[in-house]
Amino acid sequence: MSREQLLMPWASWPDCPCGCGVQGLKLLTKLLPGETEYHVVKCNCVRHRNKRNNKRGQAAHAQAHRNLGGEGFTPHHEEAARPYTREVVVMPESKTGSQIPKSFRAFIESVWFRHALFQSERAVPFGTSVVPGVVIDGRWLIADLKPKKGKL
């Protein structure tokens, strides 16, 4: 290698064809429907970001389905799924006051958690005694045991 070649500035990686600003040589191996150009891995355009989010969400739903005792295929939409009727036997440990960490209380009162719980409440079939809940990481189930007005 000559001295001139060593002193030349590096031209960097090529940009993703969609203009999202991601650079790289590794291209996606599969085109989305309607696409004509391969995008760079970890492309940040809306279609590829939505595809990644959807894939992660469906994987989390499948894991929760298995952990809650669901059998057979995983329902495609969690809102279309029926409530899990497997009896859950619980040995509760009641905590109040300063025993509850402030970070947990802040999480339960957060807008994100309230929205997730509201989605669960909307999906509860009318006239049933199903308790709405939120599954986190396919492992933790947080259920709202407080009776709602007008519910059974």
C-alpha atoms as a PDB file:
ATOM      1  CA  MET A   1       0.000   0.000   0.000  1.00  0.00           C
ATOM      2  CA  SER A   2       1.382   3.352  -0.961  1.00  0.00           C
ATOM      3  CA  ARG A   3       1.700   6.376   1.303  1.00  0.00           C
ATOM      4  CA  GLU A   4      -0.923   8.292  -0.699  1.00  0.00           C
ATOM      5  CA  GLN A   5      -3.464   5.484  -0.227  1.00  0.00           C
ATOM      6  CA  LEU A   6      -2.834   5.435   3.532  1.00  0.00           C
ATOM      7  CA  LEU A   7      -3.385   9.203   3.817  1.00  0.00           C
ATOM      8  CA  MET A   8      -6.644   9.235   1.815  1.00  0.00           C
ATOM      9  CA  PRO A   9      -9.737   9.982   3.927  1.00  0.00           C
ATOM     10  CA  TRP A  10     -12.207   7.137   4.412  1.00  0.00           C
ATOM     11  CA  ALA A  11     -15.433   7.563   2.429  1.00  0.00           C
ATOM     12  CA  SER A  12     -17.709   5.873   5.066  1.00  0.00           C
ATOM     13  CA  TRP A  13     -20.415   3.272   4.473  1.00  0.00           C
ATOM     14  CA  PRO A  14     -23.185   3.782   1.915  1.00  0.00           C
ATOM     15  CA  ASP A  15     -26.507   5.237   3.123  1.00  0.00           C
ATOM     16  CA  CYS A  16     -29.782   3.320   3.261  1.00  0.00           C
ATOM     17  CA  PRO A  17     -31.738   3.931   0.017  1.00  0.00           C
ATOM     18  CA  CYS A  18     -34.809   5.245   1.881  1.00  0.00           C
ATOM     19  CA  GLY A  19     -32.898   8.214   3.305  1.00  0.00           C
ATOM     20  CA  CYS A  20     -33.397   7.301   6.987  1.00  0.00           C
ATOM     21  CA  GLY A  21     -29.761   8.138   7.747  1.00  0.00           C
ATOM     22  CA  VAL A  22     -28.585   4.623   8.674  1.00  0.00           C
ATOM     23  CA  GLN A  23     -25.323   3.586   7.047  1.00  0.00           C
ATOM     24  CA  GLY A  24     -23.959   0.099   6.452  1.00  0.00           C
ATOM     25  CA  LEU A  25     -23.087  -2.631   3.987  1.00  0.00           C
ATOM     26  CA  LYS A  26     -25.306  -5.395   5.402  1.00  0.00           C
ATOM     27  CA  LEU A  27     -28.655  -5.395   3.599  1.00  0.00           C
ATOM     28  CA  LEU A  28     -31.939  -6.983   4.656  1.00  0.00           C
ATOM     29  CA  THR A  29     -32.423 -10.419   3.141  1.00  0.00           C
ATOM     30  CA  LYS A  30     -36.180 -10.015   2.601  1.00  0.00           C
ATOM     31  CA  LEU A  31     -38.108  -7.229   0.922  1.00  0.00           C
ATOM     32  CA  LEU A  32     -41.341  -5.921   2.426  1.00  0.00           C
ATOM     33  CA  PRO A  33     -44.389  -6.093   0.126  1.00  0.00           C
ATOM     34  CA  GLY A  34     -44.257  -3.227  -2.363  1.00  0.00           C
ATOM     35  CA  GLU A  35     -40.522  -2.570  -1.825  1.00  0.00           C
ATOM     36  CA  THR A  36     -38.121  -2.602  -4.757  1.00  0.00           C
ATOM     37  CA  GLU A  37     -34.842  -1.825  -2.964  1.00  0.00           C
ATOM     38  CA  TYR A  38     -33.124  -3.641  -0.136  1.00  0.00           C
ATOM     39  CA  HIS A  39     -32.685  -1.547   2.991  1.00  0.00           C
ATOM     40  CA  VAL A  40     -29.814  -1.604   5.474  1.00  0.00           C
ATOM     41  CA  VAL A  41     -30.196  -3.738   8.607  1.00  0.00           C
ATOM     42  CA  LYS A  42     -31.652  -1.663  11.482  1.00  0.00           C
ATOM     43  CA  CYS A  43     -33.191   0.736   8.973  1.00  0.00           C
ATOM     44  CA  ASN A  44     -35.139   3.418  10.828  1.00  0.00           C
ATOM     45  CA  CYS A  45     -37.866   4.084   8.260  1.00  0.00           C
ATOM     46  CA  VAL A  46     -41.461   3.737   9.476  1.00  0.00           C
ATOM     47  CA  ARG A  47     -42.240   0.446   7.698  1.00  0.00           C
ATOM     48  CA  HIS A  48     -39.179  -1.389   9.000  1.00  0.00           C
ATOM     49  CA  ARG A  49     -39.494   0.035  12.514  1.00  0.00           C
ATOM     50  CA  ASN A  50     -43.171  -1.042  12.619  1.00  0.00           C
ATOM     51  CA  LYS A  51     -42.245  -4.520  11.396  1.00  0.00           C
ATOM     52  CA  ARG A  52     -39.659  -4.905  14.188  1.00  0.00           C
ATOM     53  CA  ASN A  53     -42.114  -3.639  16.835  1.00  0.00           C
ATOM     54  CA  ASN A  54     -44.836  -5.983  15.574  1.00  0.00           C
ATOM     55  CA  LYS A  55     -42.480  -8.957  15.629  1.00  0.00           C
ATOM     56  CA  ARG A  56     -41.387  -8.252  19.219  1.00  0.00           C
ATOM     57  CA  GLY A  57     -44.981  -7.710  20.336  1.00  0.00           C
ATOM     58  CA  GLN A  58     -46.182 -10.976  18.821  1.00  0.00           C
ATOM     59  CA  ALA A  59     -43.301 -12.873  20.435  1.00  0.00           C
ATOM     60  CA  ALA A  60     -44.185 -11.401  23.847  1.00  0.00           C
ATOM     61  CA  HIS A  61     -47.859 -12.287  23.314  1.00  0.00           C
ATOM     62  CA  ALA A  62     -46.939 -15.885  22.419  1.00  0.00           C
ATOM     63  CA  GLN A  63     -44.806 -16.212  25.552  1.00  0.00           C
ATOM     64  CA  ALA A  64     -47.608 -14.825  27.755  1.00  0.00           C
ATOM     65  CA  HIS A  65     -50.089 -17.204  26.067  1.00  0.00           C
ATOM     66  CA  ARG A  66     -47.920 -20.205  26.958  1.00  0.00           C
ATOM     67  CA  ASN A  67     -47.203 -19.019  30.514  1.00  0.00           C
ATOM     68  CA  LEU A  68     -50.895 -18.416  31.252  1.00  0.00           C
ATOM     69  CA  GLY A  69     -51.724 -21.977  30.241  1.00  0.00           C
ATOM     70  CA  GLY A  70     -52.899 -21.349  26.697  1.00  0.00           C
ATOM     71  CA  GLU A  71     -52.848 -24.372  24.446  1.00  0.00           C
ATOM     72  CA  GLY A  72     -52.686 -24.686  20.690  1.00  0.00           C
ATOM     73  CA  PHE A  73     -51.980 -21.807  18.357  1.00  0.00           C
ATOM     74  CA  THR A  74     -51.375 -18.304  19.672  1.00  0.00           C
ATOM     75  CA  PRO A  75     -54.212 -15.938  18.745  1.00  0.00           C
ATOM     76  CA  HIS A  76     -52.956 -13.398  16.205  1.00  0.00           C
ATOM     77  CA  HIS A  77     -54.514 -10.414  18.006  1.00  0.00           C
ATOM     78  CA  GLU A  78     -54.495 -10.449  21.781  1.00  0.00           C
ATOM     79  CA  GLU A  79     -57.786  -8.525  21.810  1.00  0.00           C
ATOM     80  CA  ALA A  80     -59.410 -11.377  19.857  1.00  0.00           C
ATOM     81  CA  ALA A  81     -58.257 -13.962  22.398  1.00  0.00           C
ATOM     82  CA  ARG A  82     -60.619 -15.262  25.021  1.00  0.00           C
ATOM     83  CA  PRO A  83     -59.830 -14.902  28.729  1.00  0.00           C
ATOM     84  CA  TYR A  84     -57.645 -17.594  30.235  1.00  0.00           C
ATOM     85  CA  THR A  85     -59.856 -19.787  32.394  1.00  0.00           C
ATOM     86  CA  ARG A  86     -57.089 -21.773  34.039  1.00  0.00           C
ATOM     87  CA  GLU A  87     -57.508 -21.512  37.749  1.00  0.00           C
ATOM     88  CA  VAL A  88     -54.703 -19.587  39.330  1.00  0.00           C
ATOM     89  CA  VAL A  89     -54.055 -20.421  42.948  1.00  0.00           C
ATOM     90  CA  VAL A  90     -52.325 -17.529  44.633  1.00  0.00           C
ATOM     91  CA  MET A  91     -50.754 -17.157  48.049  1.00  0.00           C
ATOM     92  CA  PRO A  92     -50.843 -13.365  48.433  1.00  0.00           C
ATOM     93  CA  GLU A  93     -48.473 -11.337  50.538  1.00  0.00           C
ATOM     94  CA  SER A  94     -49.980  -7.984  51.428  1.00  0.00           C
ATOM     95  CA  LYS A  95     -47.728  -4.945  51.597  1.00  0.00           C
ATOM     96  CA  THR A  96     -48.713  -1.374  52.389  1.00  0.00           C
ATOM     97  CA  GLY A  97     -47.161   1.970  53.096  1.00  0.00           C
ATOM     98  CA  SER A  98     -43.397   2.393  53.028  1.00  0.00           C
ATOM     99  CA  GLN A  99     -42.792  -1.291  52.228  1.00  0.00           C
ATOM    100  CA  ILE A 100     -43.760  -0.607  48.611  1.00  0.00           C
ATOM    101  CA  PRO A 101     -40.884   0.968  46.644  1.00  0.00           C
ATOM    102  CA  LYS A 102     -41.641   4.412  45.256  1.00  0.00           C
ATOM    103  CA  SER A 103     -40.441   3.319  41.818  1.00  0.00           C
ATOM    104  CA  PHE A 104     -43.061   0.537  41.682  1.00  0.00           C
ATOM    105  CA  ARG A 105     -45.800   2.887  42.803  1.00  0.00           C
ATOM    106  CA  ALA A 106     -44.667   5.401  40.148  1.00  0.00           C
ATOM    107  CA  PHE A 107     -44.768   2.635  37.510  1.00  0.00           C
ATOM    108  CA  ILE A 108     -48.305   1.581  38.474  1.00  0.00           C
ATOM    109  CA  GLU A 109     -49.458   5.197  38.331  1.00  0.00           C
ATOM    110  CA  SER A 110     -47.675   5.923  35.036  1.00  0.00           C
ATOM    111  CA  VAL A 111     -49.575   6.844  31.883  1.00  0.00           C
ATOM    112  CA  TRP A 112     -48.093   3.840  30.051  1.00  0.00           C
ATOM    113  CA  PHE A 113     -49.378   1.323  32.614  1.00  0.00           C
ATOM    114  CA  ARG A 114     -52.788   3.006  32.896  1.00  0.00           C
ATOM    115  CA  HIS A 115     -53.125   2.856  29.098  1.00  0.00           C
ATOM    116  CA  ALA A 116     -52.156  -0.845  29.018  1.00  0.00           C
ATOM    117  CA  LEU A 117     -54.665  -1.631  31.780  1.00  0.00           C
ATOM    118  CA  PHE A 118     -57.347   0.354  29.942  1.00  0.00           C
ATOM    119  CA  GLN A 119     -56.703  -1.742  26.810  1.00  0.00           C
ATOM    120  CA  SER A 120     -57.234  -4.870  28.903  1.00  0.00           C
ATOM    121  CA  GLU A 121     -60.431  -3.464  30.444  1.00  0.00           C
ATOM    122  CA  ARG A 122     -61.840  -2.697  26.972  1.00  0.00           C
ATOM    123  CA  ALA A 123     -61.178  -6.280  25.836  1.00  0.00           C
ATOM    124  CA  VAL A 124     -63.070  -7.870  28.751  1.00  0.00           C
ATOM    125  CA  PRO A 125     -66.291  -9.473  27.480  1.00  0.00           C
ATOM    126  CA  PHE A 126     -69.415  -7.758  28.814  1.00  0.00           C
ATOM    127  CA  GLY A 127     -71.192  -9.525  31.670  1.00  0.00           C
ATOM    128  CA  THR A 128     -68.233 -11.610  32.820  1.00  0.00           C
ATOM    129  CA  SER A 129     -66.260 -11.435  36.026  1.00  0.00           C
ATOM    130  CA  VAL A 130     -62.907 -11.378  34.238  1.00  0.00           C
ATOM    131  CA  VAL A 131     -60.218  -9.323  35.972  1.00  0.00           C
ATOM    132  CA  PRO A 132     -58.177  -7.063  33.656  1.00  0.00           C
ATOM    133  CA  GLY A 133     -54.418  -7.455  33.850  1.00  0.00           C
ATOM    134  CA  VAL A 134     -51.135  -6.583  32.191  1.00  0.00           C
ATOM    135  CA  VAL A 135     -48.428  -9.164  31.483  1.00  0.00           C
ATOM    136  CA  ILE A 136     -44.886  -7.786  31.539  1.00  0.00           C
ATOM    137  CA  ASP A 137     -42.012  -9.667  29.886  1.00  0.00           C
ATOM    138  CA  GLY A 138     -44.232 -12.760  29.622  1.00  0.00           C
ATOM    139  CA  ARG A 139     -43.478 -13.466  33.263  1.00  0.00           C
ATOM    140  CA  TRP A 140     -45.227 -10.980  35.522  1.00  0.00           C
ATOM    141  CA  LEU A 141     -48.995 -10.561  35.652  1.00  0.00           C
ATOM    142  CA  ILE A 142     -50.294  -7.419  37.315  1.00  0.00           C
ATOM    143  CA  ALA A 143     -54.061  -7.646  37.782  1.00  0.00           C
ATOM    144  CA  ASP A 144     -56.415  -4.913  38.908  1.00  0.00           C
ATOM    145  CA  LEU A 145     -58.462  -6.462  41.738  1.00  0.00           C
ATOM    146  CA  LYS A 146     -60.351  -3.298  42.637  1.00  0.00           C
ATOM    147  CA  PRO A 147     -63.980  -3.715  41.542  1.00  0.00           C
ATOM    148  CA  LYS A 148     -65.142  -1.202  38.984  1.00  0.00           C
ATOM    149  CA  LYS A 149     -68.469   0.606  39.260  1.00  0.00           C
ATOM    150  CA  GLY A 150     -71.175  -1.142  37.291  1.00  0.00           C
ATOM    151  CA  LYS A 151     -69.178  -4.373  36.934  1.00  0.00           C
ATOM    152  CA  LEU A 152     -69.992  -7.744  38.505  1.00  0.00           C
END
